[in-house]
Amino acid sequence: HMVLARGPPPRASPPAPAPEGVMPPDFSLGLCFMLPAAPIMLHYHDGPGFFAGFTLGALGIIFAVQAMRVRFVVGKDAFEIKKKPLTSLAADDDASALEFAGDNVVVGGRNKWKYSAFQNFAFFPKGFVEAGLPPLLFYFKETQTPQKNARGPGKLLSDLSRKWFPDAKPGQVHFAPAMCDPKALKAALLAKGVKQIP
């Protein structure tokens, strides 16, 4: 009979690097607002129905333009919101070509947060990403923003969450329209060790 020689056991492959880079844009949110706008405006020629259709269409255009311009960047140590220069909207997304998005309009400071400061994140409505549907909002809570600078709706929600849930830690809450591929962003943040709200 034949004896097979055994070689050394196979080495475990190194873990795959966490997905990093510019998250792909997603125009679903803009389309969800634009698609019903025209039929509503055609059905209701005047009055509040026409205004509602017009408002939906305008919001859809704003979200679509923002999806063309705003980029969510998952870097090595931090998450950042940047923007594409107007002169290169049709160009491929290259993180080095993106511009500083300006200071945060609500709390000031740069739109860049270390993963170590993230407390959690979620997409709303809950369950939409898992069902393959486009979410409306991307939410996260962080402790990097000094509480003395915290203000706006994020501070109000943080204060309420601590009132309703005494174990909740103080932090600044952020909401952004879901303008990038939510599955890619979710996978990238989870790979960075950021907790998702169950």
N, C-alpha and C. Protein backbone atom coordinates (compact mmCIF):
# COMPACT_ATOMS: atom_id res chain seq x y z
N HIS A 1 0.84 -1.18 0.00
CA HIS A 1 0.00 0.00 0.00
C HIS A 1 0.87 1.23 0.00
N MET A 2 0.25 2.41 -0.32
CA MET A 2 1.03 3.61 -0.52
C MET A 2 0.86 4.55 0.67
N VAL A 3 1.95 5.15 1.11
CA VAL A 3 1.91 6.10 2.22
C VAL A 3 2.12 7.50 1.65
N LEU A 4 1.21 8.38 1.98
CA LEU A 4 1.34 9.76 1.51
C LEU A 4 2.05 10.59 2.55
N ALA A 5 3.03 11.31 2.10
CA ALA A 5 3.75 12.19 3.03
C ALA A 5 2.93 13.43 3.28
N ARG A 6 2.87 13.80 4.52
CA ARG A 6 2.13 15.01 4.87
C ARG A 6 3.11 16.18 4.96
N GLY A 7 2.72 17.28 4.38
CA GLY A 7 3.53 18.49 4.47
C GLY A 7 3.11 19.29 5.70
N PRO A 8 3.70 20.44 5.87
CA PRO A 8 3.31 21.28 7.00
C PRO A 8 1.86 21.71 6.86
N PRO A 9 1.18 21.94 7.97
CA PRO A 9 -0.23 22.35 7.88
C PRO A 9 -0.32 23.69 7.16
N PRO A 10 -1.40 23.90 6.42
CA PRO A 10 -1.54 25.17 5.70
C PRO A 10 -1.62 26.33 6.69
N ARG A 11 -0.95 27.42 6.31
CA ARG A 11 -0.97 28.60 7.17
C ARG A 11 -2.29 29.33 6.99
N ALA A 12 -2.75 29.85 8.11
CA ALA A 12 -3.98 30.64 8.04
C ALA A 12 -3.70 31.91 7.25
N SER A 13 -4.60 32.24 6.36
CA SER A 13 -4.40 33.47 5.58
C SER A 13 -4.67 34.67 6.48
N PRO A 14 -3.95 35.76 6.25
CA PRO A 14 -4.15 36.95 7.08
C PRO A 14 -5.57 37.48 6.89
N PRO A 15 -6.12 38.14 7.91
CA PRO A 15 -7.47 38.66 7.75
C PRO A 15 -7.52 39.70 6.65
N ALA A 16 -8.63 39.71 5.94
CA ALA A 16 -8.80 40.68 4.85
C ALA A 16 -8.83 42.08 5.44
N PRO A 17 -8.20 43.03 4.76
CA PRO A 17 -8.22 44.39 5.28
C PRO A 17 -9.63 44.95 5.28
N ALA A 18 -9.89 45.82 6.23
CA ALA A 18 -11.21 46.44 6.30
C ALA A 18 -11.44 47.29 5.06
N PRO A 19 -12.67 47.26 4.52
CA PRO A 19 -12.92 48.08 3.33
C PRO A 19 -12.77 49.55 3.67
N GLU A 20 -11.96 50.21 2.90
CA GLU A 20 -11.72 51.64 3.11
C GLU A 20 -11.89 52.36 1.78
N GLY A 21 -12.00 53.66 1.88
CA GLY A 21 -12.07 54.47 0.67
C GLY A 21 -13.37 55.23 0.58
N VAL A 22 -13.63 55.71 -0.63
CA VAL A 22 -14.82 56.50 -0.89
C VAL A 22 -15.99 55.56 -1.12
N MET A 23 -17.05 55.74 -0.36
CA MET A 23 -18.23 54.90 -0.52
C MET A 23 -18.95 55.28 -1.82
N PRO A 24 -19.42 54.29 -2.58
CA PRO A 24 -20.09 54.60 -3.84
C PRO A 24 -21.37 55.40 -3.60
N PRO A 25 -21.64 56.39 -4.47
CA PRO A 25 -22.86 57.17 -4.29
C PRO A 25 -24.10 56.33 -4.57
N ASP A 26 -25.22 56.74 -4.02
CA ASP A 26 -26.49 56.07 -4.24
C ASP A 26 -27.56 57.14 -4.47
N PHE A 27 -28.22 57.06 -5.61
CA PHE A 27 -29.22 58.07 -5.99
C PHE A 27 -30.64 57.63 -5.65
N SER A 28 -30.79 56.53 -4.93
CA SER A 28 -32.13 56.00 -4.62
C SER A 28 -32.98 56.99 -3.85
N LEU A 29 -32.39 57.69 -2.90
CA LEU A 29 -33.17 58.62 -2.08
C LEU A 29 -33.76 59.72 -2.95
N GLY A 30 -32.94 60.30 -3.84
CA GLY A 30 -33.45 61.32 -4.75
C GLY A 30 -34.56 60.79 -5.64
N LEU A 31 -34.37 59.58 -6.16
CA LEU A 31 -35.39 58.99 -7.03
C LEU A 31 -36.69 58.71 -6.28
N CYS A 32 -36.57 58.27 -5.02
CA CYS A 32 -37.78 57.98 -4.22
C CYS A 32 -38.63 59.23 -4.03
N PHE A 33 -38.00 60.40 -4.02
CA PHE A 33 -38.75 61.64 -3.89
C PHE A 33 -39.20 62.17 -5.24
N MET A 34 -38.37 62.00 -6.28
CA MET A 34 -38.72 62.55 -7.59
C MET A 34 -39.80 61.75 -8.31
N LEU A 35 -39.77 60.43 -8.23
CA LEU A 35 -40.70 59.61 -9.02
C LEU A 35 -42.17 59.90 -8.74
N PRO A 36 -42.58 60.03 -7.49
CA PRO A 36 -44.01 60.32 -7.28
C PRO A 36 -44.39 61.80 -7.53
N ALA A 37 -43.39 62.67 -7.66
CA ALA A 37 -43.68 64.10 -7.75
C ALA A 37 -44.50 64.45 -8.98
N ALA A 38 -44.09 64.00 -10.16
CA ALA A 38 -44.79 64.36 -11.40
C ALA A 38 -46.23 63.85 -11.41
N PRO A 39 -46.50 62.57 -11.09
CA PRO A 39 -47.90 62.13 -11.08
C PRO A 39 -48.77 62.91 -10.09
N ILE A 40 -48.21 63.25 -8.94
CA ILE A 40 -48.99 64.02 -7.96
C ILE A 40 -49.29 65.40 -8.52
N MET A 41 -48.28 66.04 -9.13
CA MET A 41 -48.50 67.38 -9.69
C MET A 41 -49.48 67.35 -10.86
N LEU A 42 -49.45 66.29 -11.67
CA LEU A 42 -50.39 66.18 -12.80
C LEU A 42 -51.81 65.91 -12.32
N HIS A 43 -51.93 65.11 -11.27
CA HIS A 43 -53.26 64.78 -10.76
C HIS A 43 -53.91 65.98 -10.06
N TYR A 44 -53.12 66.68 -9.30
CA TYR A 44 -53.63 67.86 -8.58
C TYR A 44 -53.09 69.11 -9.28
N HIS A 45 -53.91 69.71 -10.13
CA HIS A 45 -53.44 70.85 -10.92
C HIS A 45 -53.24 72.10 -10.07
N ASP A 46 -53.93 72.17 -8.99
CA ASP A 46 -53.78 73.34 -8.13
C ASP A 46 -54.01 72.91 -6.68
N GLY A 47 -53.75 73.81 -5.78
CA GLY A 47 -54.00 73.52 -4.37
C GLY A 47 -52.86 72.80 -3.69
N PRO A 48 -53.15 72.27 -2.51
CA PRO A 48 -52.09 71.67 -1.69
C PRO A 48 -51.46 70.43 -2.33
N GLY A 49 -52.22 69.67 -3.12
CA GLY A 49 -51.66 68.48 -3.76
C GLY A 49 -50.55 68.83 -4.73
N PHE A 50 -50.76 69.88 -5.51
CA PHE A 50 -49.74 70.34 -6.44
C PHE A 50 -48.49 70.79 -5.68
N PHE A 51 -48.69 71.53 -4.60
CA PHE A 51 -47.57 72.00 -3.79
C PHE A 51 -46.81 70.83 -3.18
N ALA A 52 -47.54 69.80 -2.74
CA ALA A 52 -46.89 68.62 -2.16
C ALA A 52 -46.03 67.91 -3.20
N GLY A 53 -46.56 67.76 -4.41
CA GLY A 53 -45.80 67.13 -5.49
C GLY A 53 -44.57 67.93 -5.85
N PHE A 54 -44.74 69.26 -5.92
CA PHE A 54 -43.61 70.13 -6.22
C PHE A 54 -42.54 70.03 -5.15
N THR A 55 -42.95 69.99 -3.89
CA THR A 55 -42.01 69.88 -2.77
C THR A 55 -41.24 68.56 -2.84
N LEU A 56 -41.96 67.46 -3.13
CA LEU A 56 -41.28 66.17 -3.26
C LEU A 56 -40.25 66.21 -4.39
N GLY A 57 -40.63 66.79 -5.53
CA GLY A 57 -39.71 66.87 -6.66
C GLY A 57 -38.48 67.70 -6.34
N ALA A 58 -38.70 68.85 -5.68
CA ALA A 58 -37.58 69.72 -5.31
C ALA A 58 -36.62 69.00 -4.35
N LEU A 59 -37.18 68.30 -3.36
CA LEU A 59 -36.34 67.55 -2.42
C LEU A 59 -35.56 66.46 -3.15
N GLY A 60 -36.23 65.79 -4.08
CA GLY A 60 -35.56 64.74 -4.86
C GLY A 60 -34.38 65.28 -5.65
N ILE A 61 -34.56 66.46 -6.25
CA ILE A 61 -33.46 67.08 -7.01
C ILE A 61 -32.32 67.45 -6.07
N ILE A 62 -32.65 68.02 -4.91
CA ILE A 62 -31.61 68.38 -3.94
C ILE A 62 -30.83 67.14 -3.50
N PHE A 63 -31.54 66.05 -3.18
CA PHE A 63 -30.85 64.82 -2.75
C PHE A 63 -30.00 64.24 -3.88
N ALA A 64 -30.49 64.30 -5.12
CA ALA A 64 -29.73 63.77 -6.26
C ALA A 64 -28.46 64.59 -6.48
N VAL A 65 -28.57 65.91 -6.40
CA VAL A 65 -27.39 66.77 -6.57
C VAL A 65 -26.39 66.51 -5.45
N GLN A 66 -26.90 66.38 -4.23
CA GLN A 66 -26.00 66.09 -3.09
C GLN A 66 -25.31 64.74 -3.27
N ALA A 67 -26.04 63.74 -3.81
CA ALA A 67 -25.43 62.43 -4.04
C ALA A 67 -24.35 62.51 -5.11
N MET A 68 -24.48 63.45 -6.04
CA MET A 68 -23.43 63.65 -7.05
C MET A 68 -22.20 64.28 -6.42
N ARG A 69 -22.38 65.07 -5.40
CA ARG A 69 -21.30 65.91 -4.86
C ARG A 69 -20.70 65.40 -3.55
N VAL A 70 -21.53 65.00 -2.60
CA VAL A 70 -21.06 64.64 -1.26
C VAL A 70 -20.55 63.19 -1.26
N ARG A 71 -19.44 62.97 -0.58
CA ARG A 71 -18.87 61.63 -0.47
C ARG A 71 -18.58 61.28 0.98
N PHE A 72 -18.97 60.06 1.37
CA PHE A 72 -18.66 59.52 2.67
C PHE A 72 -17.37 58.72 2.51
N VAL A 73 -16.36 59.07 3.28
CA VAL A 73 -15.05 58.44 3.14
C VAL A 73 -14.73 57.66 4.41
N VAL A 74 -14.48 56.37 4.23
CA VAL A 74 -14.05 55.52 5.34
C VAL A 74 -12.54 55.41 5.25
N GLY A 75 -11.85 56.14 6.11
CA GLY A 75 -10.39 56.14 6.11
C GLY A 75 -9.84 55.12 7.07
N LYS A 76 -8.53 55.16 7.24
CA LYS A 76 -7.87 54.17 8.10
C LYS A 76 -8.32 54.30 9.55
N ASP A 77 -8.37 55.54 10.06
CA ASP A 77 -8.69 55.75 11.47
C ASP A 77 -9.95 56.58 11.71
N ALA A 78 -10.54 57.14 10.63
CA ALA A 78 -11.66 58.06 10.83
C ALA A 78 -12.62 58.04 9.66
N PHE A 79 -13.85 58.40 9.95
CA PHE A 79 -14.90 58.58 8.96
C PHE A 79 -15.00 60.07 8.65
N GLU A 80 -15.12 60.41 7.37
CA GLU A 80 -15.14 61.81 6.99
C GLU A 80 -16.17 62.06 5.89
N ILE A 81 -16.77 63.22 5.93
CA ILE A 81 -17.67 63.65 4.86
C ILE A 81 -16.92 64.71 4.05
N LYS A 82 -16.77 64.44 2.75
CA LYS A 82 -16.05 65.34 1.86
C LYS A 82 -16.94 65.65 0.66
N LYS A 83 -16.44 66.47 -0.26
CA LYS A 83 -17.23 66.76 -1.46
C LYS A 83 -16.34 66.77 -2.70
N LYS A 84 -16.98 66.49 -3.84
CA LYS A 84 -16.27 66.52 -5.11
C LYS A 84 -16.23 67.95 -5.61
N PRO A 85 -15.14 68.36 -6.25
CA PRO A 85 -15.12 69.69 -6.86
C PRO A 85 -16.16 69.75 -7.99
N LEU A 86 -16.77 70.90 -8.17
CA LEU A 86 -17.78 71.06 -9.22
C LEU A 86 -17.22 70.76 -10.60
N THR A 87 -15.92 70.97 -10.76
CA THR A 87 -15.30 70.76 -12.07
C THR A 87 -15.07 69.29 -12.39
N SER A 88 -15.25 68.41 -11.43
CA SER A 88 -14.96 66.99 -11.68
C SER A 88 -16.09 66.08 -11.23
N LEU A 89 -17.33 66.53 -11.37
CA LEU A 89 -18.46 65.70 -10.93
C LEU A 89 -18.55 64.39 -11.71
N ALA A 90 -18.14 64.41 -12.99
CA ALA A 90 -18.25 63.20 -13.81
C ALA A 90 -17.04 62.28 -13.64
N ALA A 91 -15.99 62.75 -12.98
CA ALA A 91 -14.77 61.94 -12.81
C ALA A 91 -14.98 60.84 -11.78
N ASP A 92 -14.12 59.83 -11.86
CA ASP A 92 -14.16 58.75 -10.86
C ASP A 92 -13.87 59.33 -9.48
N ASP A 93 -14.36 58.64 -8.47
CA ASP A 93 -14.10 59.07 -7.09
C ASP A 93 -12.68 58.70 -6.70
N ASP A 94 -11.91 59.69 -6.39
CA ASP A 94 -10.54 59.51 -5.92
C ASP A 94 -10.44 60.31 -4.63
N ALA A 95 -10.18 59.63 -3.52
CA ALA A 95 -10.17 60.29 -2.22
C ALA A 95 -9.23 61.48 -2.19
N SER A 96 -8.10 61.40 -2.90
CA SER A 96 -7.14 62.51 -2.86
C SER A 96 -7.65 63.73 -3.61
N ALA A 97 -8.63 63.55 -4.52
CA ALA A 97 -9.15 64.69 -5.29
C ALA A 97 -10.35 65.34 -4.62
N LEU A 98 -10.83 64.77 -3.52
CA LEU A 98 -11.99 65.33 -2.85
C LEU A 98 -11.60 66.56 -2.04
N GLU A 99 -12.57 67.44 -1.85
CA GLU A 99 -12.33 68.68 -1.12
C GLU A 99 -12.86 68.59 0.31
N PHE A 100 -12.31 69.45 1.15
CA PHE A 100 -12.81 69.66 2.51
C PHE A 100 -14.26 70.13 2.38
N ALA A 101 -15.17 69.52 3.10
CA ALA A 101 -16.59 69.84 2.98
C ALA A 101 -17.00 71.05 3.78
N GLY A 102 -16.06 71.70 4.43
CA GLY A 102 -16.41 72.84 5.27
C GLY A 102 -16.70 72.38 6.69
N ASP A 103 -16.84 73.35 7.57
CA ASP A 103 -17.14 73.02 8.95
C ASP A 103 -18.57 72.50 9.08
N ASN A 104 -18.79 71.68 10.09
CA ASN A 104 -20.12 71.16 10.36
C ASN A 104 -21.06 72.33 10.65
N VAL A 105 -22.18 72.37 9.93
CA VAL A 105 -23.08 73.53 10.04
C VAL A 105 -23.77 73.61 11.39
N VAL A 106 -23.88 72.50 12.10
CA VAL A 106 -24.60 72.50 13.37
C VAL A 106 -23.66 72.73 14.55
N VAL A 107 -22.58 71.95 14.64
CA VAL A 107 -21.72 72.01 15.82
C VAL A 107 -20.35 72.62 15.55
N GLY A 108 -20.08 72.97 14.30
CA GLY A 108 -18.77 73.51 13.97
C GLY A 108 -17.74 72.40 13.91
N GLY A 109 -16.54 72.74 13.50
CA GLY A 109 -15.47 71.75 13.42
C GLY A 109 -15.56 70.93 12.16
N ARG A 110 -14.51 70.21 11.88
CA ARG A 110 -14.40 69.42 10.66
C ARG A 110 -15.34 68.22 10.70
N ASN A 111 -15.84 67.85 9.54
CA ASN A 111 -16.72 66.68 9.41
C ASN A 111 -15.88 65.40 9.34
N LYS A 112 -15.14 65.15 10.41
CA LYS A 112 -14.27 63.97 10.48
C LYS A 112 -14.28 63.47 11.91
N TRP A 113 -14.56 62.16 12.06
CA TRP A 113 -14.70 61.59 13.39
C TRP A 113 -13.92 60.28 13.47
N LYS A 114 -13.13 60.12 14.54
CA LYS A 114 -12.37 58.89 14.75
C LYS A 114 -13.33 57.75 15.11
N TYR A 115 -13.00 56.56 14.65
CA TYR A 115 -13.85 55.40 14.96
C TYR A 115 -13.90 55.14 16.45
N SER A 116 -12.82 55.46 17.15
CA SER A 116 -12.80 55.25 18.61
C SER A 116 -13.80 56.14 19.33
N ALA A 117 -14.27 57.22 18.66
CA ALA A 117 -15.26 58.12 19.26
C ALA A 117 -16.69 57.72 18.92
N PHE A 118 -16.86 56.81 17.96
CA PHE A 118 -18.22 56.38 17.59
C PHE A 118 -18.82 55.55 18.72
N GLN A 119 -20.06 55.84 19.04
CA GLN A 119 -20.78 54.98 19.98
C GLN A 119 -21.65 53.97 19.24
N ASN A 120 -22.29 54.42 18.17
CA ASN A 120 -23.12 53.52 17.39
C ASN A 120 -23.53 54.20 16.09
N PHE A 121 -24.15 53.41 15.21
CA PHE A 121 -24.69 53.96 13.96
C PHE A 121 -25.92 53.15 13.58
N ALA A 122 -26.70 53.70 12.67
CA ALA A 122 -27.90 53.01 12.19
C ALA A 122 -28.38 53.68 10.91
N PHE A 123 -29.26 52.99 10.23
CA PHE A 123 -29.96 53.55 9.08
C PHE A 123 -31.44 53.56 9.41
N PHE A 124 -32.13 54.59 8.99
CA PHE A 124 -33.57 54.69 9.24
C PHE A 124 -34.31 54.88 7.93
N PRO A 125 -35.48 54.28 7.80
CA PRO A 125 -36.15 53.37 8.72
C PRO A 125 -35.35 52.08 8.92
N LYS A 126 -35.44 51.58 10.15
CA LYS A 126 -34.71 50.37 10.51
C LYS A 126 -35.19 49.19 9.65
N GLY A 127 -34.25 48.35 9.29
CA GLY A 127 -34.57 47.14 8.53
C GLY A 127 -34.59 47.34 7.02
N PHE A 128 -34.56 48.59 6.55
CA PHE A 128 -34.62 48.83 5.11
C PHE A 128 -33.38 48.28 4.40
N VAL A 129 -32.19 48.52 4.95
CA VAL A 129 -30.95 48.07 4.29
C VAL A 129 -30.96 46.55 4.17
N GLU A 130 -31.34 45.87 5.25
CA GLU A 130 -31.37 44.40 5.25
C GLU A 130 -32.40 43.86 4.25
N ALA A 131 -33.46 44.63 4.01
CA ALA A 131 -34.50 44.20 3.06
C ALA A 131 -34.18 44.63 1.63
N GLY A 132 -33.04 45.29 1.43
CA GLY A 132 -32.67 45.73 0.08
C GLY A 132 -33.36 47.01 -0.35
N LEU A 133 -33.94 47.74 0.60
CA LEU A 133 -34.62 49.00 0.29
C LEU A 133 -33.73 50.18 0.66
N PRO A 134 -33.89 51.31 -0.04
CA PRO A 134 -33.04 52.46 0.29
C PRO A 134 -33.51 53.14 1.58
N PRO A 135 -32.62 53.33 2.54
CA PRO A 135 -32.99 54.05 3.75
C PRO A 135 -33.04 55.55 3.47
N LEU A 136 -33.69 56.30 4.36
CA LEU A 136 -33.75 57.75 4.22
C LEU A 136 -32.57 58.42 4.91
N LEU A 137 -32.22 57.92 6.10
CA LEU A 137 -31.22 58.60 6.92
C LEU A 137 -30.12 57.66 7.40
N PHE A 138 -28.93 58.23 7.51
CA PHE A 138 -27.81 57.58 8.17
C PHE A 138 -27.60 58.33 9.48
N TYR A 139 -27.52 57.58 10.58
CA TYR A 139 -27.39 58.16 11.92
C TYR A 139 -26.11 57.63 12.56
N PHE A 140 -25.43 58.49 13.31
CA PHE A 140 -24.38 58.00 14.20
C PHE A 140 -24.25 58.93 15.39
N LYS A 141 -23.71 58.38 16.46
CA LYS A 141 -23.48 59.13 17.69
C LYS A 141 -22.01 59.01 18.03
N GLU A 142 -21.40 60.18 18.38
CA GLU A 142 -19.97 60.19 18.67
C GLU A 142 -19.68 61.05 19.89
N THR A 143 -18.51 60.82 20.48
CA THR A 143 -18.11 61.56 21.68
C THR A 143 -16.95 62.51 21.41
N GLN A 144 -16.54 62.63 20.15
CA GLN A 144 -15.42 63.49 19.79
C GLN A 144 -15.77 64.98 19.91
N THR A 145 -17.02 65.33 19.56
CA THR A 145 -17.44 66.73 19.64
C THR A 145 -17.54 67.13 21.10
N PRO A 146 -16.82 68.17 21.52
CA PRO A 146 -16.92 68.60 22.93
C PRO A 146 -18.37 68.95 23.26
N GLN A 147 -18.84 68.50 24.41
CA GLN A 147 -20.24 68.73 24.78
C GLN A 147 -20.57 70.22 24.90
N LYS A 148 -19.57 71.04 25.17
CA LYS A 148 -19.85 72.48 25.24
C LYS A 148 -20.20 73.03 23.86
N ASN A 149 -19.77 72.34 22.78
CA ASN A 149 -20.10 72.76 21.42
C ASN A 149 -21.37 72.10 20.90
N ALA A 150 -21.84 71.08 21.61
CA ALA A 150 -23.00 70.34 21.12
C ALA A 150 -24.23 71.24 21.12
N ARG A 151 -24.95 71.19 20.02
CA ARG A 151 -26.18 71.98 19.91
C ARG A 151 -27.00 71.43 18.74
N GLY A 152 -28.16 72.05 18.55
CA GLY A 152 -29.00 71.65 17.43
C GLY A 152 -29.80 70.39 17.74
N PRO A 153 -30.40 69.83 16.69
CA PRO A 153 -31.23 68.62 16.86
C PRO A 153 -30.46 67.45 17.45
N GLY A 154 -29.16 67.34 17.10
CA GLY A 154 -28.35 66.24 17.63
C GLY A 154 -28.21 66.30 19.13
N LYS A 155 -28.01 67.51 19.68
CA LYS A 155 -27.91 67.65 21.13
C LYS A 155 -29.24 67.34 21.79
N LEU A 156 -30.32 67.83 21.19
CA LEU A 156 -31.65 67.55 21.74
C LEU A 156 -31.90 66.05 21.80
N LEU A 157 -31.59 65.33 20.72
CA LEU A 157 -31.80 63.88 20.70
C LEU A 157 -30.88 63.18 21.69
N SER A 158 -29.64 63.66 21.82
CA SER A 158 -28.73 63.06 22.78
C SER A 158 -29.24 63.25 24.20
N ASP A 159 -29.71 64.46 24.49
CA ASP A 159 -30.25 64.73 25.83
C ASP A 159 -31.47 63.87 26.12
N LEU A 160 -32.36 63.75 25.11
CA LEU A 160 -33.56 62.93 25.30
C LEU A 160 -33.20 61.46 25.50
N SER A 161 -32.21 60.97 24.71
CA SER A 161 -31.85 59.56 24.85
C SER A 161 -31.28 59.28 26.24
N ARG A 162 -30.53 60.25 26.79
CA ARG A 162 -30.00 60.03 28.14
C ARG A 162 -31.11 60.12 29.18
N LYS A 163 -32.15 60.90 28.89
CA LYS A 163 -33.27 60.99 29.82
C LYS A 163 -34.09 59.68 29.79
N TRP A 164 -34.32 59.17 28.59
CA TRP A 164 -35.12 57.94 28.44
C TRP A 164 -34.33 56.70 28.78
N PHE A 165 -33.01 56.72 28.47
CA PHE A 165 -32.15 55.57 28.71
C PHE A 165 -31.00 56.03 29.60
N PRO A 166 -31.15 55.92 30.92
CA PRO A 166 -30.14 56.45 31.84
C PRO A 166 -28.73 55.92 31.61
N ASP A 167 -28.59 54.73 31.01
CA ASP A 167 -27.27 54.17 30.76
C ASP A 167 -26.59 54.77 29.53
N ALA A 168 -27.34 55.54 28.73
CA ALA A 168 -26.78 56.13 27.50
C ALA A 168 -25.68 57.13 27.85
N LYS A 169 -24.60 57.09 27.10
CA LYS A 169 -23.49 58.02 27.33
C LYS A 169 -23.77 59.33 26.61
N PRO A 170 -23.23 60.44 27.14
CA PRO A 170 -23.38 61.69 26.41
C PRO A 170 -22.62 61.62 25.09
N GLY A 171 -23.10 62.33 24.13
CA GLY A 171 -22.44 62.35 22.83
C GLY A 171 -23.26 63.16 21.85
N GLN A 172 -22.65 63.49 20.72
CA GLN A 172 -23.34 64.26 19.70
C GLN A 172 -23.96 63.32 18.69
N VAL A 173 -25.23 63.52 18.40
CA VAL A 173 -25.96 62.72 17.43
C VAL A 173 -25.89 63.42 16.08
N HIS A 174 -25.67 62.66 15.01
CA HIS A 174 -25.62 63.21 13.65
C HIS A 174 -26.59 62.45 12.77
N PHE A 175 -27.26 63.17 11.88
CA PHE A 175 -28.10 62.57 10.85
C PHE A 175 -27.66 63.11 9.51
N ALA A 176 -27.64 62.25 8.50
CA ALA A 176 -27.34 62.68 7.14
C ALA A 176 -28.24 61.90 6.19
N PRO A 177 -28.67 62.53 5.10
CA PRO A 177 -29.41 61.76 4.10
C PRO A 177 -28.56 60.59 3.61
N ALA A 178 -29.18 59.47 3.35
CA ALA A 178 -28.46 58.27 2.90
C ALA A 178 -28.09 58.45 1.43
N MET A 179 -26.93 59.07 1.18
CA MET A 179 -26.51 59.42 -0.18
C MET A 179 -25.41 58.52 -0.72
N CYS A 180 -25.06 57.47 0.02
CA CYS A 180 -24.06 56.53 -0.48
C CYS A 180 -24.64 55.12 -0.35
N ASP A 181 -23.95 54.17 -0.93
CA ASP A 181 -24.41 52.78 -0.88
C ASP A 181 -24.47 52.35 0.59
N PRO A 182 -25.67 52.14 1.15
CA PRO A 182 -25.76 51.84 2.57
C PRO A 182 -25.14 50.50 2.95
N LYS A 183 -25.20 49.52 2.06
CA LYS A 183 -24.60 48.21 2.38
C LYS A 183 -23.08 48.33 2.47
N ALA A 184 -22.49 49.10 1.56
CA ALA A 184 -21.03 49.28 1.59
C ALA A 184 -20.61 50.04 2.84
N LEU A 185 -21.36 51.09 3.19
CA LEU A 185 -21.03 51.87 4.38
C LEU A 185 -21.19 51.04 5.64
N LYS A 186 -22.26 50.27 5.71
CA LYS A 186 -22.49 49.41 6.88
C LYS A 186 -21.35 48.40 7.03
N ALA A 187 -20.97 47.74 5.94
CA ALA A 187 -19.89 46.75 6.01
C ALA A 187 -18.57 47.40 6.43
N ALA A 188 -18.30 48.60 5.89
CA ALA A 188 -17.04 49.28 6.21
C ALA A 188 -16.99 49.69 7.67
N LEU A 189 -18.09 50.23 8.20
CA LEU A 189 -18.10 50.66 9.60
C LEU A 189 -18.03 49.47 10.55
N LEU A 190 -18.75 48.39 10.23
CA LEU A 190 -18.67 47.20 11.07
C LEU A 190 -17.26 46.63 11.07
N ALA A 191 -16.58 46.67 9.91
CA ALA A 191 -15.21 46.18 9.83
C ALA A 191 -14.26 47.03 10.67
N LYS A 192 -14.63 48.28 10.89
CA LYS A 192 -13.81 49.17 11.72
C LYS A 192 -14.16 49.04 13.21
N GLY A 193 -15.09 48.14 13.54
CA GLY A 193 -15.44 47.91 14.94
C GLY A 193 -16.49 48.85 15.49
N VAL A 194 -17.17 49.60 14.61
CA VAL A 194 -18.23 50.50 15.06
C VAL A 194 -19.49 49.67 15.30
N LYS A 195 -20.16 49.92 16.43
CA LYS A 195 -21.36 49.15 16.78
C LYS A 195 -22.57 49.67 16.02
N GLN A 196 -23.37 48.74 15.54
CA GLN A 196 -24.64 49.12 14.92
C GLN A 196 -25.75 48.95 15.93
N ILE A 197 -26.71 49.86 15.93
CA ILE A 197 -27.86 49.72 16.82
C ILE A 197 -28.63 48.48 16.38
N PRO A 198 -28.91 47.56 17.32
CA PRO A 198 -29.62 46.32 16.93
C PRO A 198 -31.04 46.60 16.48
